[in-house]
Amino acid sequence: SNLRPSVRSAIQSFIQTQDGSHIPSDVLRVIHEEALLMKETEEARDMFQTDPFESFGTIKSQIQRFKSMIRVTSCSRVRTRKYVSNNAVVTIDNGNDLQLTFRYEQGPRKGTKGTQIWYSIEMAQNSYSQRQNLLVVQVWSPDDAPCTDNPPVCINDQMMEENEDDLWSDIDEDQEAENEADGKTTKQDLSSANPTNDQNPTKRAKLSESSGAAPQAQGNKEEEGEEGKEEEETCDSYMAFMDPELVHSFLAATKLGPMDEDTAFFLLMTFPFYEH
């Protein structure tokens, strides 16, 4: 292939045009960083082109325009034997440079065996606006791999049976206080949701006081025996939250048009910043 020599020649020609204003190592460093961001951008666009969840059938024209608007402006990926961390910022050229911030973390649970996963998408109207939780997913597994013996337990279902006033507090105790919120997560058609502004907070799911422990759910509840030991977990558990009003604002700002909650969820999950 002549691709590699052609790229090398183009880079060398560009370096020569700098006339000594920048040393070659600085130029190459910037080229390397920008090339990685361009690669992440193209991979994100490719995902929207392939429609992995097969949910864009009626909005293909909007997706084609949306693809051209997205640009990855920051991205870091870290992987070790027991830990994975992906952090990215996507700027959407809608006239206001709307931003989506992605955070994915996978690692051992604290204080007990197993694996925990955190994935969140935050939205800001521009680079200076407060970020708000658009989507948050948290998963707890008793092993290092997904449990296949029993179906996963949705923590949301059990929580809704409890006192709703106590359901929503900080999802991440380490996040800044300005990200605290108080909305509702009722399932509804997003085409009828009222838009929100930067001042409207979003609701947050309440976590267990122990950062590594899943909230108690059916199949994972603590049972006090003679020795006071917890019942061994036999299935995965998860918690998910998507703010319908903030999603409505996202759809309006990007001119993707009204869509149902499921399609909006799959659209957000098409961004390739989490691990399968």
C-alpha atoms as a PDB file:
ATOM      1  CA  SER A   1       0.000   0.000   0.000  1.00  0.00           C
ATOM      2  CA  ASN A   2       1.162   3.526  -0.784  1.00  0.00           C
ATOM      3  CA  LEU A   3      -0.807   5.016   2.091  1.00  0.00           C
ATOM      4  CA  ARG A   4       1.970   5.054   4.690  1.00  0.00           C
ATOM      5  CA  PRO A   5       4.614   6.693   2.406  1.00  0.00           C
ATOM      6  CA  SER A   6       2.018   9.246   1.286  1.00  0.00           C
ATOM      7  CA  VAL A   7       1.135  10.155   4.886  1.00  0.00           C
ATOM      8  CA  ARG A   8       4.799  10.385   5.842  1.00  0.00           C
ATOM      9  CA  SER A   9       5.493  12.648   2.874  1.00  0.00           C
ATOM     10  CA  ALA A  10       2.538  14.902   3.732  1.00  0.00           C
ATOM     11  CA  ILE A  11       3.697  15.216   7.357  1.00  0.00           C
ATOM     12  CA  GLN A  12       7.271  16.001   6.348  1.00  0.00           C
ATOM     13  CA  SER A  13       6.062  18.649   3.906  1.00  0.00           C
ATOM     14  CA  PHE A  14       3.931  20.232   6.619  1.00  0.00           C
ATOM     15  CA  ILE A  15       6.845  20.329   9.062  1.00  0.00           C
ATOM     16  CA  GLN A  16       8.968  22.094   6.455  1.00  0.00           C
ATOM     17  CA  THR A  17       6.328  24.815   6.061  1.00  0.00           C
ATOM     18  CA  GLN A  18       6.758  25.844   9.708  1.00  0.00           C
ATOM     19  CA  ASP A  19       9.990  27.731   8.937  1.00  0.00           C
ATOM     20  CA  GLY A  20      11.403  27.073  12.397  1.00  0.00           C
ATOM     21  CA  SER A  21       8.441  28.604  14.251  1.00  0.00           C
ATOM     22  CA  HIS A  22       7.855  25.216  15.909  1.00  0.00           C
ATOM     23  CA  ILE A  23      10.325  22.433  16.494  1.00  0.00           C
ATOM     24  CA  PRO A  24       9.511  19.197  14.637  1.00  0.00           C
ATOM     25  CA  SER A  25       8.807  17.204  17.841  1.00  0.00           C
ATOM     26  CA  ASP A  26       6.143  19.746  18.882  1.00  0.00           C
ATOM     27  CA  VAL A  27       4.549  19.604  15.441  1.00  0.00           C
ATOM     28  CA  LEU A  28       4.537  15.803  15.486  1.00  0.00           C
ATOM     29  CA  ARG A  29       3.043  15.749  18.997  1.00  0.00           C
ATOM     30  CA  VAL A  30       0.140  17.964  17.915  1.00  0.00           C
ATOM     31  CA  ILE A  31      -0.347  15.916  14.750  1.00  0.00           C
ATOM     32  CA  HIS A  32      -0.442  12.741  16.865  1.00  0.00           C
ATOM     33  CA  GLU A  33      -3.023  14.169  19.292  1.00  0.00           C
ATOM     34  CA  GLU A  34      -5.239  15.571  16.549  1.00  0.00           C
ATOM     35  CA  ALA A  35      -4.999  12.356  14.534  1.00  0.00           C
ATOM     36  CA  LEU A  36      -6.239  10.352  17.534  1.00  0.00           C
ATOM     37  CA  LEU A  37      -9.190  12.727  18.013  1.00  0.00           C
ATOM     38  CA  MET A  38     -10.010  12.572  14.308  1.00  0.00           C
ATOM     39  CA  LYS A  39      -9.882   8.771  14.506  1.00  0.00           C
ATOM     40  CA  GLU A  40     -12.272   8.762  17.488  1.00  0.00           C
ATOM     41  CA  THR A  41     -14.589  11.118  15.598  1.00  0.00           C
ATOM     42  CA  GLU A  42     -14.667   8.910  12.512  1.00  0.00           C
ATOM     43  CA  GLU A  43     -15.265   5.780  14.600  1.00  0.00           C
ATOM     44  CA  ALA A  44     -18.198   7.488  16.315  1.00  0.00           C
ATOM     45  CA  ARG A  45     -19.629   8.511  12.952  1.00  0.00           C
ATOM     46  CA  ASP A  46     -19.170   4.971  11.646  1.00  0.00           C
ATOM     47  CA  MET A  47     -21.215   3.639  14.574  1.00  0.00           C
ATOM     48  CA  PHE A  48     -24.115   5.929  13.691  1.00  0.00           C
ATOM     49  CA  GLN A  49     -23.802   4.827  10.058  1.00  0.00           C
ATOM     50  CA  THR A  50     -24.009   1.127  10.962  1.00  0.00           C
ATOM     51  CA  ASP A  51     -26.960   1.618  13.369  1.00  0.00           C
ATOM     52  CA  PRO A  52     -25.934  -1.237  15.717  1.00  0.00           C
ATOM     53  CA  PHE A  53     -29.277  -1.301  17.557  1.00  0.00           C
ATOM     54  CA  GLU A  54     -31.305  -1.056  14.326  1.00  0.00           C
ATOM     55  CA  SER A  55     -33.312   1.827  15.752  1.00  0.00           C
ATOM     56  CA  PHE A  56     -32.771   4.586  13.135  1.00  0.00           C
ATOM     57  CA  GLY A  57     -35.153   3.273  10.485  1.00  0.00           C
ATOM     58  CA  THR A  58     -37.473   6.301  10.526  1.00  0.00           C
ATOM     59  CA  ILE A  59     -34.839   8.971  11.283  1.00  0.00           C
ATOM     60  CA  LYS A  60     -32.025   8.089   8.871  1.00  0.00           C
ATOM     61  CA  SER A  61     -31.978  11.562   7.307  1.00  0.00           C
ATOM     62  CA  GLN A  62     -31.654  13.227  10.729  1.00  0.00           C
ATOM     63  CA  ILE A  63     -28.871  10.794  11.687  1.00  0.00           C
ATOM     64  CA  GLN A  64     -26.920  11.630   8.525  1.00  0.00           C
ATOM     65  CA  ARG A  65     -27.000  15.309   9.418  1.00  0.00           C
ATOM     66  CA  PHE A  66     -26.220  14.577  13.078  1.00  0.00           C
ATOM     67  CA  LYS A  67     -23.127  12.586  12.066  1.00  0.00           C
ATOM     68  CA  SER A  68     -21.633  15.619  10.380  1.00  0.00           C
ATOM     69  CA  MET A  69     -22.181  17.721  13.523  1.00  0.00           C
ATOM     70  CA  ILE A  70     -20.254  15.589  16.019  1.00  0.00           C
ATOM     71  CA  ARG A  71     -16.559  16.028  16.800  1.00  0.00           C
ATOM     72  CA  VAL A  72     -14.570  14.320  19.550  1.00  0.00           C
ATOM     73  CA  THR A  73     -12.568  17.078  21.261  1.00  0.00           C
ATOM     74  CA  SER A  74     -11.102  15.060  24.136  1.00  0.00           C
ATOM     75  CA  CYS A  75     -10.619  11.349  24.683  1.00  0.00           C
ATOM     76  CA  SER A  76      -8.551   9.092  26.932  1.00  0.00           C
ATOM     77  CA  ARG A  77      -8.720   5.324  27.237  1.00  0.00           C
ATOM     78  CA  VAL A  78      -6.961   3.349  29.972  1.00  0.00           C
ATOM     79  CA  ARG A  79      -6.978  -0.446  30.286  1.00  0.00           C
ATOM     80  CA  THR A  80      -5.182  -2.646  32.802  1.00  0.00           C
ATOM     81  CA  ARG A  81      -5.771  -6.242  33.823  1.00  0.00           C
ATOM     82  CA  LYS A  82      -8.510  -5.288  36.307  1.00  0.00           C
ATOM     83  CA  TYR A  83      -9.463  -1.724  35.424  1.00  0.00           C
ATOM     84  CA  VAL A  84     -10.926   0.098  32.402  1.00  0.00           C
ATOM     85  CA  SER A  85     -11.496   3.834  32.149  1.00  0.00           C
ATOM     86  CA  ASN A  86     -12.807   5.790  29.148  1.00  0.00           C
ATOM     87  CA  ASN A  87     -13.344   9.547  29.252  1.00  0.00           C
ATOM     88  CA  ALA A  88     -14.429  11.613  26.277  1.00  0.00           C
ATOM     89  CA  VAL A  89     -15.962  14.945  25.332  1.00  0.00           C
ATOM     90  CA  VAL A  90     -17.990  15.286  22.130  1.00  0.00           C
ATOM     91  CA  THR A  91     -18.782  18.741  20.785  1.00  0.00           C
ATOM     92  CA  ILE A  92     -21.877  19.013  18.613  1.00  0.00           C
ATOM     93  CA  ASP A  93     -21.835  21.865  16.121  1.00  0.00           C
ATOM     94  CA  ASN A  94     -25.365  23.127  16.616  1.00  0.00           C
ATOM     95  CA  GLY A  95     -24.399  26.808  16.692  1.00  0.00           C
ATOM     96  CA  ASN A  96     -23.749  26.792  20.452  1.00  0.00           C
ATOM     97  CA  ASP A  97     -21.165  23.970  20.626  1.00  0.00           C
ATOM     98  CA  LEU A  98     -23.318  21.730  22.789  1.00  0.00           C
ATOM     99  CA  GLN A  99     -21.126  19.226  24.651  1.00  0.00           C
ATOM    100  CA  LEU A 100     -21.602  15.649  25.816  1.00  0.00           C
ATOM    101  CA  THR A 101     -19.184  14.284  28.427  1.00  0.00           C
ATOM    102  CA  PHE A 102     -18.799  10.501  28.648  1.00  0.00           C
ATOM    103  CA  ARG A 103     -17.338   8.577  31.608  1.00  0.00           C
ATOM    104  CA  TYR A 104     -16.977   4.809  31.755  1.00  0.00           C
ATOM    105  CA  GLU A 105     -15.285   2.960  34.608  1.00  0.00           C
ATOM    106  CA  GLN A 106     -15.038  -0.782  35.201  1.00  0.00           C
ATOM    107  CA  GLY A 107     -13.150  -2.319  38.077  1.00  0.00           C
ATOM    108  CA  PRO A 108     -13.269  -4.472  41.219  1.00  0.00           C
ATOM    109  CA  ARG A 109     -15.975  -3.765  43.765  1.00  0.00           C
ATOM    110  CA  LYS A 110     -14.788  -2.312  47.029  1.00  0.00           C
ATOM    111  CA  GLY A 111     -15.190  -4.419  50.139  1.00  0.00           C
ATOM    112  CA  THR A 112     -16.506  -7.474  48.311  1.00  0.00           C
ATOM    113  CA  LYS A 113     -15.736  -9.679  45.344  1.00  0.00           C
ATOM    114  CA  GLY A 114     -17.013  -9.003  41.884  1.00  0.00           C
ATOM    115  CA  THR A 115     -17.025  -6.184  39.340  1.00  0.00           C
ATOM    116  CA  GLN A 116     -18.788  -2.850  39.198  1.00  0.00           C
ATOM    117  CA  ILE A 117     -19.412  -0.644  36.158  1.00  0.00           C
ATOM    118  CA  TRP A 118     -20.272   3.030  35.940  1.00  0.00           C
ATOM    119  CA  TYR A 119     -21.311   4.769  32.713  1.00  0.00           C
ATOM    120  CA  SER A 120     -22.611   8.311  32.481  1.00  0.00           C
ATOM    121  CA  ILE A 121     -23.363  10.903  29.825  1.00  0.00           C
ATOM    122  CA  GLU A 122     -23.552  14.536  30.900  1.00  0.00           C
ATOM    123  CA  MET A 123     -24.773  17.411  28.747  1.00  0.00           C
ATOM    124  CA  ALA A 124     -23.833  21.089  28.745  1.00  0.00           C
ATOM    125  CA  GLN A 125     -25.297  23.711  26.427  1.00  0.00           C
ATOM    126  CA  ASN A 126     -21.734  24.918  25.741  1.00  0.00           C
ATOM    127  CA  SER A 127     -18.224  24.613  27.201  1.00  0.00           C
ATOM    128  CA  TYR A 128     -19.058  27.172  29.923  1.00  0.00           C
ATOM    129  CA  SER A 129     -22.381  25.757  31.077  1.00  0.00           C
ATOM    130  CA  GLN A 130     -23.032  23.447  33.996  1.00  0.00           C
ATOM    131  CA  ARG A 131     -23.061  19.764  33.065  1.00  0.00           C
ATOM    132  CA  GLN A 132     -26.187  17.785  33.905  1.00  0.00           C
ATOM    133  CA  ASN A 133     -26.779  14.032  34.007  1.00  0.00           C
ATOM    134  CA  LEU A 134     -28.392  12.974  30.755  1.00  0.00           C
ATOM    135  CA  LEU A 135     -27.963   9.236  31.291  1.00  0.00           C
ATOM    136  CA  VAL A 136     -26.442   7.111  34.067  1.00  0.00           C
ATOM    137  CA  VAL A 137     -26.057   3.334  34.214  1.00  0.00           C
ATOM    138  CA  GLN A 138     -24.481   1.378  37.070  1.00  0.00           C
ATOM    139  CA  VAL A 139     -23.956  -2.393  37.125  1.00  0.00           C
ATOM    140  CA  TRP A 140     -22.809  -4.742  39.903  1.00  0.00           C
ATOM    141  CA  SER A 141     -21.697  -8.322  39.237  1.00  0.00           C
ATOM    142  CA  PRO A 142     -20.712 -10.927  41.837  1.00  0.00           C
ATOM    143  CA  ASP A 143     -18.020 -12.253  39.471  1.00  0.00           C
ATOM    144  CA  ASP A 144     -15.508 -10.909  36.981  1.00  0.00           C
ATOM    145  CA  ALA A 145     -17.846 -11.715  34.085  1.00  0.00           C
ATOM    146  CA  PRO A 146     -21.597 -11.270  33.546  1.00  0.00           C
ATOM    147  CA  CYS A 147     -23.724 -13.835  35.355  1.00  0.00           C
ATOM    148  CA  THR A 148     -25.432 -16.236  32.924  1.00  0.00           C
ATOM    149  CA  ASP A 149     -27.189 -18.504  35.424  1.00  0.00           C
ATOM    150  CA  ASN A 150     -29.841 -15.997  36.531  1.00  0.00           C
ATOM    151  CA  PRO A 151     -31.362 -12.896  34.903  1.00  0.00           C
ATOM    152  CA  PRO A 152     -30.126  -9.505  36.155  1.00  0.00           C
ATOM    153  CA  VAL A 153     -32.115  -7.609  38.767  1.00  0.00           C
ATOM    154  CA  CYS A 154     -33.209  -4.036  38.081  1.00  0.00           C
ATOM    155  CA  ILE A 155     -32.650  -1.955  41.214  1.00  0.00           C
ATOM    156  CA  ASN A 156     -35.009   0.752  39.913  1.00  0.00           C
ATOM    157  CA  ASP A 157     -38.016  -1.582  40.177  1.00  0.00           C
ATOM    158  CA  GLN A 158     -37.456  -2.261  43.864  1.00  0.00           C
ATOM    159  CA  MET A 159     -36.623   1.347  44.648  1.00  0.00           C
ATOM    160  CA  MET A 160     -39.912   2.523  43.161  1.00  0.00           C
ATOM    161  CA  GLU A 161     -41.705   0.403  45.759  1.00  0.00           C
ATOM    162  CA  GLU A 162     -40.041   2.389  48.539  1.00  0.00           C
ATOM    163  CA  ASN A 163     -40.585   5.987  49.619  1.00  0.00           C
ATOM    164  CA  GLU A 164     -40.152   8.019  46.429  1.00  0.00           C
ATOM    165  CA  ASP A 165     -39.073  11.121  48.372  1.00  0.00           C
ATOM    166  CA  ASP A 166     -35.907   9.264  49.374  1.00  0.00           C
ATOM    167  CA  LEU A 167     -35.121   7.729  45.991  1.00  0.00           C
ATOM    168  CA  TRP A 168     -33.159  10.477  44.321  1.00  0.00           C
ATOM    169  CA  SER A 169     -30.008  11.914  45.825  1.00  0.00           C
ATOM    170  CA  ASP A 170     -26.431  12.051  44.599  1.00  0.00           C
ATOM    171  CA  ILE A 171     -25.489   9.273  42.208  1.00  0.00           C
ATOM    172  CA  ASP A 172     -21.805  10.060  42.516  1.00  0.00           C
ATOM    173  CA  GLU A 173     -20.693  11.458  45.863  1.00  0.00           C
ATOM    174  CA  ASP A 174     -17.439  12.605  44.265  1.00  0.00           C
ATOM    175  CA  GLN A 175     -19.116  14.866  41.706  1.00  0.00           C
ATOM    176  CA  GLU A 176     -19.309  18.594  42.361  1.00  0.00           C
ATOM    177  CA  ALA A 177     -22.227  19.954  44.359  1.00  0.00           C
ATOM    178  CA  GLU A 178     -23.399  21.981  41.375  1.00  0.00           C
ATOM    179  CA  ASN A 179     -24.389  18.758  39.640  1.00  0.00           C
ATOM    180  CA  GLU A 180     -26.980  17.828  42.330  1.00  0.00           C
ATOM    181  CA  ALA A 181     -30.479  17.504  40.996  1.00  0.00           C
ATOM    182  CA  ASP A 182     -34.203  16.936  41.699  1.00  0.00           C
ATOM    183  CA  GLY A 183     -36.402  15.813  38.659  1.00  0.00           C
ATOM    184  CA  LYS A 184     -38.362  12.616  37.973  1.00  0.00           C
ATOM    185  CA  THR A 185     -37.648   9.583  35.813  1.00  0.00           C
ATOM    186  CA  THR A 186     -41.076   8.577  34.703  1.00  0.00           C
ATOM    187  CA  LYS A 187     -41.158   6.683  31.398  1.00  0.00           C
ATOM    188  CA  GLN A 188     -42.913   8.752  28.772  1.00  0.00           C
ATOM    189  CA  ASP A 189     -42.915   9.745  25.109  1.00  0.00           C
ATOM    190  CA  LEU A 190     -40.148  12.318  24.783  1.00  0.00           C
ATOM    191  CA  SER A 191     -42.041  14.156  22.084  1.00  0.00           C
ATOM    192  CA  SER A 192     -44.412  15.440  24.791  1.00  0.00           C
ATOM    193  CA  ALA A 193     -41.796  16.242  27.427  1.00  0.00           C
ATOM    194  CA  ASN A 194     -41.343  19.895  28.318  1.00  0.00           C
ATOM    195  CA  PRO A 195     -37.909  21.366  27.490  1.00  0.00           C
ATOM    196  CA  THR A 196     -35.673  22.433  30.344  1.00  0.00           C
ATOM    197  CA  ASN A 197     -32.988  25.070  30.706  1.00  0.00           C
ATOM    198  CA  ASP A 198     -29.564  25.128  32.385  1.00  0.00           C
ATOM    199  CA  GLN A 199     -31.071  26.118  35.709  1.00  0.00           C
ATOM    200  CA  ASN A 200     -33.393  23.120  35.950  1.00  0.00           C
ATOM    201  CA  PRO A 201     -31.739  20.332  37.958  1.00  0.00           C
ATOM    202  CA  THR A 202     -32.020  16.618  37.197  1.00  0.00           C
ATOM    203  CA  LYS A 203     -32.803  13.782  39.548  1.00  0.00           C
ATOM    204  CA  ARG A 204     -30.188  11.393  40.777  1.00  0.00           C
ATOM    205  CA  ALA A 205     -30.444   7.776  41.787  1.00  0.00           C
ATOM    206  CA  LYS A 206     -29.650   6.902  45.378  1.00  0.00           C
ATOM    207  CA  LEU A 207     -26.676   4.593  45.834  1.00  0.00           C
ATOM    208  CA  SER A 208     -25.691   2.346  48.672  1.00  0.00           C
ATOM    209  CA  GLU A 209     -23.600   4.037  51.340  1.00  0.00           C
ATOM    210  CA  SER A 210     -20.805   1.633  50.436  1.00  0.00           C
ATOM    211  CA  SER A 211     -19.336   2.680  47.096  1.00  0.00           C
ATOM    212  CA  GLY A 212     -18.651  -0.892  46.077  1.00  0.00           C
ATOM    213  CA  ALA A 213     -21.941  -2.425  47.128  1.00  0.00           C
ATOM    214  CA  ALA A 214     -25.080  -2.637  45.068  1.00  0.00           C
ATOM    215  CA  PRO A 215     -28.301  -1.359  46.636  1.00  0.00           C
ATOM    216  CA  GLN A 216     -30.251  -4.264  48.061  1.00  0.00           C
ATOM    217  CA  ALA A 217     -32.450  -5.973  45.511  1.00  0.00           C
ATOM    218  CA  GLN A 218     -34.452  -9.138  45.131  1.00  0.00           C
ATOM    219  CA  GLY A 219     -31.982 -12.011  45.167  1.00  0.00           C
ATOM    220  CA  ASN A 220     -29.300  -9.845  46.786  1.00  0.00           C
ATOM    221  CA  LYS A 221     -30.951  -8.818  50.050  1.00  0.00           C
ATOM    222  CA  GLU A 222     -29.027  -9.126  53.269  1.00  0.00           C
ATOM    223  CA  GLU A 223     -30.346 -11.914  55.428  1.00  0.00           C
ATOM    224  CA  GLU A 224     -29.390 -12.066  59.068  1.00  0.00           C
ATOM    225  CA  GLY A 225     -28.599 -15.662  59.996  1.00  0.00           C
ATOM    226  CA  GLU A 226     -27.126 -17.015  63.155  1.00  0.00           C
ATOM    227  CA  GLU A 227     -23.766 -15.517  62.207  1.00  0.00           C
ATOM    228  CA  GLY A 228     -25.226 -12.406  60.564  1.00  0.00           C
ATOM    229  CA  LYS A 229     -23.709 -13.188  57.161  1.00  0.00           C
ATOM    230  CA  GLU A 230     -25.054 -11.767  53.914  1.00  0.00           C
ATOM    231  CA  GLU A 231     -26.668 -14.072  51.407  1.00  0.00           C
ATOM    232  CA  GLU A 232     -24.326 -14.789  48.519  1.00  0.00           C
ATOM    233  CA  GLU A 233     -25.218 -12.877  45.366  1.00  0.00           C
ATOM    234  CA  THR A 234     -26.390 -15.104  42.545  1.00  0.00           C
ATOM    235  CA  CYS A 235     -27.113 -12.565  39.792  1.00  0.00           C
ATOM    236  CA  ASP A 236     -26.066  -9.223  38.391  1.00  0.00           C
ATOM    237  CA  SER A 237     -27.914  -6.071  39.410  1.00  0.00           C
ATOM    238  CA  TYR A 238     -28.163  -2.723  37.688  1.00  0.00           C
ATOM    239  CA  MET A 239     -29.585   0.765  37.982  1.00  0.00           C
ATOM    240  CA  ALA A 240     -30.384   3.058  35.047  1.00  0.00           C
ATOM    241  CA  PHE A 241     -31.554   6.662  34.807  1.00  0.00           C
ATOM    242  CA  MET A 242     -32.306   8.898  31.814  1.00  0.00           C
ATOM    243  CA  ASP A 243     -33.689  12.407  32.308  1.00  0.00           C
ATOM    244  CA  PRO A 244     -36.587  12.789  29.823  1.00  0.00           C
ATOM    245  CA  GLU A 245     -36.696  16.578  29.993  1.00  0.00           C
ATOM    246  CA  LEU A 246     -32.965  16.901  29.394  1.00  0.00           C
ATOM    247  CA  VAL A 247     -33.166  14.391  26.538  1.00  0.00           C
ATOM    248  CA  HIS A 248     -35.942  16.532  25.036  1.00  0.00           C
ATOM    249  CA  SER A 249     -33.628  19.555  25.237  1.00  0.00           C
ATOM    250  CA  PHE A 250     -30.855  17.541  23.551  1.00  0.00           C
ATOM    251  CA  LEU A 251     -33.153  16.485  20.707  1.00  0.00           C
ATOM    252  CA  ALA A 252     -34.406  20.044  20.249  1.00  0.00           C
ATOM    253  CA  ALA A 253     -30.899  21.556  20.294  1.00  0.00           C
ATOM    254  CA  THR A 254     -29.612  19.074  17.716  1.00  0.00           C
ATOM    255  CA  LYS A 255     -32.807  19.258  15.637  1.00  0.00           C
ATOM    256  CA  LEU A 256     -33.157  15.479  15.689  1.00  0.00           C
ATOM    257  CA  GLY A 257     -36.870  15.942  16.223  1.00  0.00           C
ATOM    258  CA  PRO A 258     -39.225  14.224  18.678  1.00  0.00           C
ATOM    259  CA  MET A 259     -38.770  10.495  19.209  1.00  0.00           C
ATOM    260  CA  ASP A 260     -39.853   7.893  21.730  1.00  0.00           C
ATOM    261  CA  GLU A 261     -37.795   7.098  24.804  1.00  0.00           C
ATOM    262  CA  ASP A 262     -36.412   3.809  23.472  1.00  0.00           C
ATOM    263  CA  THR A 263     -35.064   5.359  20.264  1.00  0.00           C
ATOM    264  CA  ALA A 264     -33.482   8.222  22.210  1.00  0.00           C
ATOM    265  CA  PHE A 265     -31.814   5.743  24.575  1.00  0.00           C
ATOM    266  CA  PHE A 266     -30.361   3.681  21.729  1.00  0.00           C
ATOM    267  CA  LEU A 267     -29.180   6.857  20.005  1.00  0.00           C
ATOM    268  CA  LEU A 268     -27.174   7.871  23.082  1.00  0.00           C
ATOM    269  CA  MET A 269     -25.834   4.332  23.535  1.00  0.00           C
ATOM    270  CA  THR A 270     -24.541   4.353  19.940  1.00  0.00           C
ATOM    271  CA  PHE A 271     -21.610   6.546  20.998  1.00  0.00           C
ATOM    272  CA  PRO A 272     -18.668   4.085  21.341  1.00  0.00           C
ATOM    273  CA  PHE A 273     -17.244   5.123  24.704  1.00  0.00           C
ATOM    274  CA  TYR A 274     -18.201   2.112  26.825  1.00  0.00           C
ATOM    275  CA  GLU A 275     -17.061  -1.511  26.845  1.00  0.00           C
ATOM    276  CA  HIS A 276     -19.279  -4.409  25.759  1.00  0.00           C
END
